[in-house]
Amino acid sequence: MVQILFHRGKCIGCNGCVEADPNRWRISKKDGRCNLIEGKEKKGVYRALVADDEYSQLLQVAAICPVKIIQVELV
């Protein structure tokens, strides 16, 4: 399994994650920040567990983020 951690409160809404992986990320129409699809929030951090086959794509997404608020790890 792959765990994604996303600090949404620090998101600047650059849309890089959405362009790199539109199946996992969306831009909020309310505030212009990104949303992690299927992410569960706890203390301001959104977390999602996904299949291993998304790992390489998610590493690219994390590298694209200009504020480095996306963490990807194997669990």
PDB file of N, CA and C in Angstrom:
ATOM      1  N   MET A   1       0.839  -1.185   0.000  1.00  0.00           N
ATOM      2  CA  MET A   1       0.000   0.000   0.000  1.00  0.00           C
ATOM      3  C   MET A   1       0.887   1.253   0.000  1.00  0.00           C
ATOM      4  N   VAL A   2       0.321   2.298  -0.540  1.00  0.00           N
ATOM      5  CA  VAL A   2       0.991   3.596  -0.590  1.00  0.00           C
ATOM      6  C   VAL A   2       0.168   4.583   0.228  1.00  0.00           C
ATOM      7  N   GLN A   3       0.837   5.341   1.068  1.00  0.00           N
ATOM      8  CA  GLN A   3       0.172   6.357   1.866  1.00  0.00           C
ATOM      9  C   GLN A   3       0.519   7.731   1.312  1.00  0.00           C
ATOM     10  N   ILE A   4      -0.505   8.558   1.136  1.00  0.00           N
ATOM     11  CA  ILE A   4      -0.322   9.939   0.705  1.00  0.00           C
ATOM     12  C   ILE A   4      -0.678  10.832   1.879  1.00  0.00           C
ATOM     13  N   LEU A   5       0.192  11.770   2.186  1.00  0.00           N
ATOM     14  CA  LEU A   5      -0.077  12.785   3.200  1.00  0.00           C
ATOM     15  C   LEU A   5      -0.075  14.138   2.504  1.00  0.00           C
ATOM     16  N   PHE A   6      -1.110  14.938   2.752  1.00  0.00           N
ATOM     17  CA  PHE A   6      -1.288  16.209   2.059  1.00  0.00           C
ATOM     18  C   PHE A   6      -1.686  17.278   3.071  1.00  0.00           C
ATOM     19  N   HIS A   7      -0.870  18.317   3.196  1.00  0.00           N
ATOM     20  CA  HIS A   7      -1.111  19.428   4.120  1.00  0.00           C
ATOM     21  C   HIS A   7      -1.890  20.513   3.384  1.00  0.00           C
ATOM     22  N   ARG A   8      -3.186  20.330   3.294  1.00  0.00           N
ATOM     23  CA  ARG A   8      -4.033  21.176   2.452  1.00  0.00           C
ATOM     24  C   ARG A   8      -3.999  22.652   2.852  1.00  0.00           C
ATOM     25  N   GLY A   9      -3.873  22.948   4.126  1.00  0.00           N
ATOM     26  CA  GLY A   9      -3.866  24.332   4.593  1.00  0.00           C
ATOM     27  C   GLY A   9      -2.722  25.156   4.023  1.00  0.00           C
ATOM     28  N   LYS A  10      -1.670  24.500   3.580  1.00  0.00           N
ATOM     29  CA  LYS A  10      -0.513  25.187   3.006  1.00  0.00           C
ATOM     30  C   LYS A  10      -0.552  25.216   1.482  1.00  0.00           C
ATOM     31  N   CYS A  11      -1.601  24.653   0.885  1.00  0.00           N
ATOM     32  CA  CYS A  11      -1.720  24.578  -0.576  1.00  0.00           C
ATOM     33  C   CYS A  11      -1.877  25.976  -1.169  1.00  0.00           C
ATOM     34  N   ILE A  12      -1.164  26.250  -2.258  1.00  0.00           N
ATOM     35  CA  ILE A  12      -1.277  27.540  -2.944  1.00  0.00           C
ATOM     36  C   ILE A  12      -2.122  27.436  -4.219  1.00  0.00           C
ATOM     37  N   GLY A  13      -2.651  26.270  -4.506  1.00  0.00           N
ATOM     38  CA  GLY A  13      -3.545  26.089  -5.648  1.00  0.00           C
ATOM     39  C   GLY A  13      -2.876  26.233  -7.000  1.00  0.00           C
ATOM     40  N   CYS A  14      -1.647  25.771  -7.122  1.00  0.00           N
ATOM     41  CA  CYS A  14      -0.915  25.914  -8.390  1.00  0.00           C
ATOM     42  C   CYS A  14      -1.434  24.976  -9.477  1.00  0.00           C
ATOM     43  N   ASN A  15      -2.170  23.938  -9.089  1.00  0.00           N
ATOM     44  CA  ASN A  15      -2.788  22.985 -10.008  1.00  0.00           C
ATOM     45  C   ASN A  15      -1.809  21.954 -10.583  1.00  0.00           C
ATOM     46  N   GLY A  16      -0.567  21.943 -10.147  1.00  0.00           N
ATOM     47  CA  GLY A  16       0.423  20.986 -10.653  1.00  0.00           C
ATOM     48  C   GLY A  16       0.042  19.550 -10.372  1.00  0.00           C
ATOM     49  N   CYS A  17      -0.464  19.280  -9.181  1.00  0.00           N
ATOM     50  CA  CYS A  17      -0.851  17.911  -8.828  1.00  0.00           C
ATOM     51  C   CYS A  17      -2.030  17.440  -9.677  1.00  0.00           C
ATOM     52  N   VAL A  18      -2.954  18.327  -9.942  1.00  0.00           N
ATOM     53  CA  VAL A  18      -4.130  17.974 -10.749  1.00  0.00           C
ATOM     54  C   VAL A  18      -3.708  17.651 -12.180  1.00  0.00           C
ATOM     55  N   GLU A  19      -2.803  18.445 -12.726  1.00  0.00           N
ATOM     56  CA  GLU A  19      -2.336  18.200 -14.086  1.00  0.00           C
ATOM     57  C   GLU A  19      -1.536  16.902 -14.178  1.00  0.00           C
ATOM     58  N   ALA A  20      -0.769  16.584 -13.126  1.00  0.00           N
ATOM     59  CA  ALA A  20       0.056  15.377 -13.135  1.00  0.00           C
ATOM     60  C   ALA A  20      -0.743  14.108 -12.864  1.00  0.00           C
ATOM     61  N   ASP A  21      -1.805  14.208 -12.069  1.00  0.00           N
ATOM     62  CA  ASP A  21      -2.590  13.019 -11.700  1.00  0.00           C
ATOM     63  C   ASP A  21      -4.056  13.406 -11.456  1.00  0.00           C
ATOM     64  N   PRO A  22      -4.811  13.659 -12.526  1.00  0.00           N
ATOM     65  CA  PRO A  22      -6.203  14.109 -12.363  1.00  0.00           C
ATOM     66  C   PRO A  22      -7.136  13.053 -11.761  1.00  0.00           C
ATOM     67  N   ASN A  23      -6.710  11.820 -11.683  1.00  0.00           N
ATOM     68  CA  ASN A  23      -7.534  10.785 -11.062  1.00  0.00           C
ATOM     69  C   ASN A  23      -7.472  10.825  -9.539  1.00  0.00           C
ATOM     70  N   ARG A  24      -6.480  11.492  -8.993  1.00  0.00           N
ATOM     71  CA  ARG A  24      -6.276  11.519  -7.550  1.00  0.00           C
ATOM     72  C   ARG A  24      -6.468  12.918  -6.952  1.00  0.00           C
ATOM     73  N   TRP A  25      -6.420  13.979  -7.773  1.00  0.00           N
ATOM     74  CA  TRP A  25      -6.466  15.365  -7.281  1.00  0.00           C
ATOM     75  C   TRP A  25      -7.504  16.184  -8.029  1.00  0.00           C
ATOM     76  N   ARG A  26      -8.115  17.136  -7.325  1.00  0.00           N
ATOM     77  CA  ARG A  26      -9.080  18.067  -7.911  1.00  0.00           C
ATOM     78  C   ARG A  26      -8.877  19.448  -7.274  1.00  0.00           C
ATOM     79  N   ILE A  27      -9.221  20.477  -8.029  1.00  0.00           N
ATOM     80  CA  ILE A  27      -9.210  21.840  -7.498  1.00  0.00           C
ATOM     81  C   ILE A  27     -10.583  22.134  -6.897  1.00  0.00           C
ATOM     82  N   SER A  28     -10.595  22.716  -5.720  1.00  0.00           N
ATOM     83  CA  SER A  28     -11.841  23.094  -5.067  1.00  0.00           C
ATOM     84  C   SER A  28     -12.392  24.364  -5.696  1.00  0.00           C
ATOM     85  N   LYS A  29     -13.666  24.353  -6.020  1.00  0.00           N
ATOM     86  CA  LYS A  29     -14.315  25.555  -6.546  1.00  0.00           C
ATOM     87  C   LYS A  29     -14.567  26.569  -5.441  1.00  0.00           C
ATOM     88  N   LYS A  30     -14.554  26.123  -4.192  1.00  0.00           N
ATOM     89  CA  LYS A  30     -14.810  27.022  -3.061  1.00  0.00           C
ATOM     90  C   LYS A  30     -13.631  27.927  -2.746  1.00  0.00           C
ATOM     91  N   ASP A  31     -12.431  27.341  -2.675  1.00  0.00           N
ATOM     92  CA  ASP A  31     -11.286  28.148  -2.237  1.00  0.00           C
ATOM     93  C   ASP A  31     -10.063  28.074  -3.153  1.00  0.00           C
ATOM     94  N   GLY A  32     -10.136  27.326  -4.243  1.00  0.00           N
ATOM     95  CA  GLY A  32      -9.034  27.273  -5.201  1.00  0.00           C
ATOM     96  C   GLY A  32      -7.867  26.392  -4.797  1.00  0.00           C
ATOM     97  N   ARG A  33      -7.978  25.722  -3.672  1.00  0.00           N
ATOM     98  CA  ARG A  33      -6.924  24.797  -3.236  1.00  0.00           C
ATOM     99  C   ARG A  33      -7.218  23.402  -3.768  1.00  0.00           C
ATOM    100  N   CYS A  34      -6.202  22.569  -3.756  1.00  0.00           N
ATOM    101  CA  CYS A  34      -6.376  21.204  -4.258  1.00  0.00           C
ATOM    102  C   CYS A  34      -6.999  20.304  -3.197  1.00  0.00           C
ATOM    103  N   ASN A  35      -7.688  19.291  -3.658  1.00  0.00           N
ATOM    104  CA  ASN A  35      -8.266  18.261  -2.793  1.00  0.00           C
ATOM    105  C   ASN A  35      -7.697  16.910  -3.179  1.00  0.00           C
ATOM    106  N   LEU A  36      -7.358  16.124  -2.184  1.00  0.00           N
ATOM    107  CA  LEU A  36      -6.918  14.755  -2.381  1.00  0.00           C
ATOM    108  C   LEU A  36      -8.163  13.870  -2.412  1.00  0.00           C
ATOM    109  N   ILE A  37      -8.438  13.277  -3.558  1.00  0.00           N
ATOM    110  CA  ILE A  37      -9.619  12.439  -3.708  1.00  0.00           C
ATOM    111  C   ILE A  37      -9.480  11.218  -2.798  1.00  0.00           C
ATOM    112  N   GLU A  38     -10.512  10.951  -2.018  1.00  0.00           N
ATOM    113  CA  GLU A  38     -10.580   9.873  -1.030  1.00  0.00           C
ATOM    114  C   GLU A  38      -9.698  10.129   0.186  1.00  0.00           C
ATOM    115  N   GLY A  39      -9.211  11.355   0.347  1.00  0.00           N
ATOM    116  CA  GLY A  39      -8.400  11.701   1.506  1.00  0.00           C
ATOM    117  C   GLY A  39      -9.261  11.931   2.738  1.00  0.00           C
ATOM    118  N   LYS A  40      -8.797  11.457   3.863  1.00  0.00           N
ATOM    119  CA  LYS A  40      -9.475  11.646   5.145  1.00  0.00           C
ATOM    120  C   LYS A  40      -8.673  12.642   5.962  1.00  0.00           C
ATOM    121  N   GLU A  41      -9.353  13.658   6.512  1.00  0.00           N
ATOM    122  CA  GLU A  41      -8.672  14.732   7.234  1.00  0.00           C
ATOM    123  C   GLU A  41      -8.548  14.424   8.720  1.00  0.00           C
ATOM    124  N   LYS A  42      -7.372  14.709   9.259  1.00  0.00           N
ATOM    125  CA  LYS A  42      -7.140  14.614  10.696  1.00  0.00           C
ATOM    126  C   LYS A  42      -6.100  15.665  11.061  1.00  0.00           C
ATOM    127  N   LYS A  43      -6.507  16.630  11.869  1.00  0.00           N
ATOM    128  CA  LYS A  43      -5.631  17.705  12.334  1.00  0.00           C
ATOM    129  C   LYS A  43      -4.990  18.461  11.167  1.00  0.00           C
ATOM    130  N   GLY A  44      -5.761  18.722  10.140  1.00  0.00           N
ATOM    131  CA  GLY A  44      -5.290  19.517   9.014  1.00  0.00           C
ATOM    132  C   GLY A  44      -4.495  18.766   7.959  1.00  0.00           C
ATOM    133  N   VAL A  45      -4.269  17.484   8.172  1.00  0.00           N
ATOM    134  CA  VAL A  45      -3.526  16.671   7.210  1.00  0.00           C
ATOM    135  C   VAL A  45      -4.480  15.651   6.600  1.00  0.00           C
ATOM    136  N   TYR A  46      -4.496  15.615   5.278  1.00  0.00           N
ATOM    137  CA  TYR A  46      -5.326  14.641   4.583  1.00  0.00           C
ATOM    138  C   TYR A  46      -4.480  13.416   4.263  1.00  0.00           C
ATOM    139  N   ARG A  47      -5.067  12.241   4.482  1.00  0.00           N
ATOM    140  CA  ARG A  47      -4.345  10.983   4.319  1.00  0.00           C
ATOM    141  C   ARG A  47      -5.181  10.037   3.475  1.00  0.00           C
ATOM    142  N   ALA A  48      -4.522   9.333   2.567  1.00  0.00           N
ATOM    143  CA  ALA A  48      -5.203   8.323   1.766  1.00  0.00           C
ATOM    144  C   ALA A  48      -4.273   7.133   1.586  1.00  0.00           C
ATOM    145  N   LEU A  49      -4.834   5.946   1.626  1.00  0.00           N
ATOM    146  CA  LEU A  49      -4.105   4.721   1.318  1.00  0.00           C
ATOM    147  C   LEU A  49      -4.567   4.251  -0.047  1.00  0.00           C
ATOM    148  N   VAL A  50      -3.601   4.032  -0.949  1.00  0.00           N
ATOM    149  CA  VAL A  50      -3.925   3.639  -2.319  1.00  0.00           C
ATOM    150  C   VAL A  50      -3.072   2.446  -2.726  1.00  0.00           C
ATOM    151  N   ALA A  51      -3.365   1.903  -3.879  1.00  0.00           N
ATOM    152  CA  ALA A  51      -2.655   0.722  -4.377  1.00  0.00           C
ATOM    153  C   ALA A  51      -1.212   1.054  -4.775  1.00  0.00           C
ATOM    154  N   ASP A  52      -0.366   0.044  -4.718  1.00  0.00           N
ATOM    155  CA  ASP A  52       1.059   0.207  -5.051  1.00  0.00           C
ATOM    156  C   ASP A  52       1.298   0.682  -6.476  1.00  0.00           C
ATOM    157  N   ASP A  53       0.392   0.375  -7.388  1.00  0.00           N
ATOM    158  CA  ASP A  53       0.619   0.758  -8.780  1.00  0.00           C
ATOM    159  C   ASP A  53       0.563   2.274  -9.004  1.00  0.00           C
ATOM    160  N   GLU A  54       0.117   3.043  -8.022  1.00  0.00           N
ATOM    161  CA  GLU A  54       0.100   4.502  -8.128  1.00  0.00           C
ATOM    162  C   GLU A  54       1.390   5.152  -7.610  1.00  0.00           C
ATOM    163  N   TYR A  55       2.275   4.368  -7.037  1.00  0.00           N
ATOM    164  CA  TYR A  55       3.452   4.899  -6.347  1.00  0.00           C
ATOM    165  C   TYR A  55       4.307   5.811  -7.227  1.00  0.00           C
ATOM    166  N   SER A  56       4.712   5.361  -8.395  1.00  0.00           N
ATOM    167  CA  SER A  56       5.604   6.170  -9.234  1.00  0.00           C
ATOM    168  C   SER A  56       4.934   7.464  -9.683  1.00  0.00           C
ATOM    169  N   GLN A  57       3.645   7.402  -9.998  1.00  0.00           N
ATOM    170  CA  GLN A  57       2.903   8.601 -10.399  1.00  0.00           C
ATOM    171  C   GLN A  57       2.833   9.597  -9.246  1.00  0.00           C
ATOM    172  N   LEU A  58       2.588   9.097  -8.045  1.00  0.00           N
ATOM    173  CA  LEU A  58       2.487   9.969  -6.884  1.00  0.00           C
ATOM    174  C   LEU A  58       3.828  10.590  -6.495  1.00  0.00           C
ATOM    175  N   LEU A  59       4.917   9.874  -6.731  1.00  0.00           N
ATOM    176  CA  LEU A  59       6.236  10.466  -6.491  1.00  0.00           C
ATOM    177  C   LEU A  59       6.455  11.668  -7.407  1.00  0.00           C
ATOM    178  N   GLN A  60       5.999  11.571  -8.648  1.00  0.00           N
ATOM    179  CA  GLN A  60       6.102  12.694  -9.582  1.00  0.00           C
ATOM    180  C   GLN A  60       5.252  13.869  -9.106  1.00  0.00           C
ATOM    181  N   VAL A  61       4.061  13.574  -8.627  1.00  0.00           N
ATOM    182  CA  VAL A  61       3.185  14.624  -8.110  1.00  0.00           C
ATOM    183  C   VAL A  61       3.849  15.349  -6.943  1.00  0.00           C
ATOM    184  N   ALA A  62       4.413  14.593  -6.009  1.00  0.00           N
ATOM    185  CA  ALA A  62       5.075  15.191  -4.850  1.00  0.00           C
ATOM    186  C   ALA A  62       6.253  16.066  -5.286  1.00  0.00           C
ATOM    187  N   ALA A  63       6.983  15.635  -6.303  1.00  0.00           N
ATOM    188  CA  ALA A  63       8.131  16.407  -6.789  1.00  0.00           C
ATOM    189  C   ALA A  63       7.696  17.696  -7.476  1.00  0.00           C
ATOM    190  N   ILE A  64       6.533  17.700  -8.096  1.00  0.00           N
ATOM    191  CA  ILE A  64       6.027  18.879  -8.801  1.00  0.00           C
ATOM    192  C   ILE A  64       5.562  19.971  -7.843  1.00  0.00           C
ATOM    193  N   CYS A  65       5.059  19.580  -6.690  1.00  0.00           N
ATOM    194  CA  CYS A  65       4.479  20.541  -5.743  1.00  0.00           C
ATOM    195  C   CYS A  65       5.524  21.588  -5.322  1.00  0.00           C
ATOM    196  N   PRO A  66       5.275  22.872  -5.626  1.00  0.00           N
ATOM    197  CA  PRO A  66       6.276  23.905  -5.319  1.00  0.00           C
ATOM    198  C   PRO A  66       6.438  24.190  -3.833  1.00  0.00           C
ATOM    199  N   VAL A  67       5.433  23.876  -3.018  1.00  0.00           N
ATOM    200  CA  VAL A  67       5.541  24.117  -1.581  1.00  0.00           C
ATOM    201  C   VAL A  67       5.814  22.846  -0.782  1.00  0.00           C
ATOM    202  N   LYS A  68       6.005  21.728  -1.488  1.00  0.00           N
ATOM    203  CA  LYS A  68       6.423  20.447  -0.890  1.00  0.00           C
ATOM    204  C   LYS A  68       5.531  20.004   0.267  1.00  0.00           C
ATOM    205  N   ILE A  69       4.210  20.003   0.021  1.00  0.00           N
ATOM    206  CA  ILE A  69       3.258  19.627   1.054  1.00  0.00           C
ATOM    207  C   ILE A  69       2.627  18.267   0.815  1.00  0.00           C
ATOM    208  N   ILE A  70       3.148  17.535  -0.172  1.00  0.00           N
ATOM    209  CA  ILE A  70       2.662  16.193  -0.488  1.00  0.00           C
ATOM    210  C   ILE A  70       3.773  15.196  -0.167  1.00  0.00           C
ATOM    211  N   GLN A  71       3.453  14.225   0.676  1.00  0.00           N
ATOM    212  CA  GLN A  71       4.413  13.180   1.019  1.00  0.00           C
ATOM    213  C   GLN A  71       3.844  11.843   0.585  1.00  0.00           C
ATOM    214  N   VAL A  72       4.702  11.006   0.018  1.00  0.00           N
ATOM    215  CA  VAL A  72       4.285   9.692  -0.472  1.00  0.00           C
ATOM    216  C   VAL A  72       5.225   8.656   0.131  1.00  0.00           C
ATOM    217  N   GLU A  73       4.647   7.605   0.713  1.00  0.00           N
ATOM    218  CA  GLU A  73       5.494   6.560   1.291  1.00  0.00           C
ATOM    219  C   GLU A  73       4.832   5.196   1.173  1.00  0.00           C
ATOM    220  N   LEU A  74       5.654   4.190   1.068  1.00  0.00           N
ATOM    221  CA  LEU A  74       5.164   2.808   1.062  1.00  0.00           C
ATOM    222  C   LEU A  74       4.909   2.387   2.498  1.00  0.00           C
ATOM    223  N   VAL A  75       3.774   1.741   2.722  1.00  0.00           N
ATOM    224  CA  VAL A  75       3.460   1.272   4.086  1.00  0.00           C
ATOM    225  C   VAL A  75       3.122  -0.206   4.062  1.00  0.00           C
TER     226      VAL A  75
END
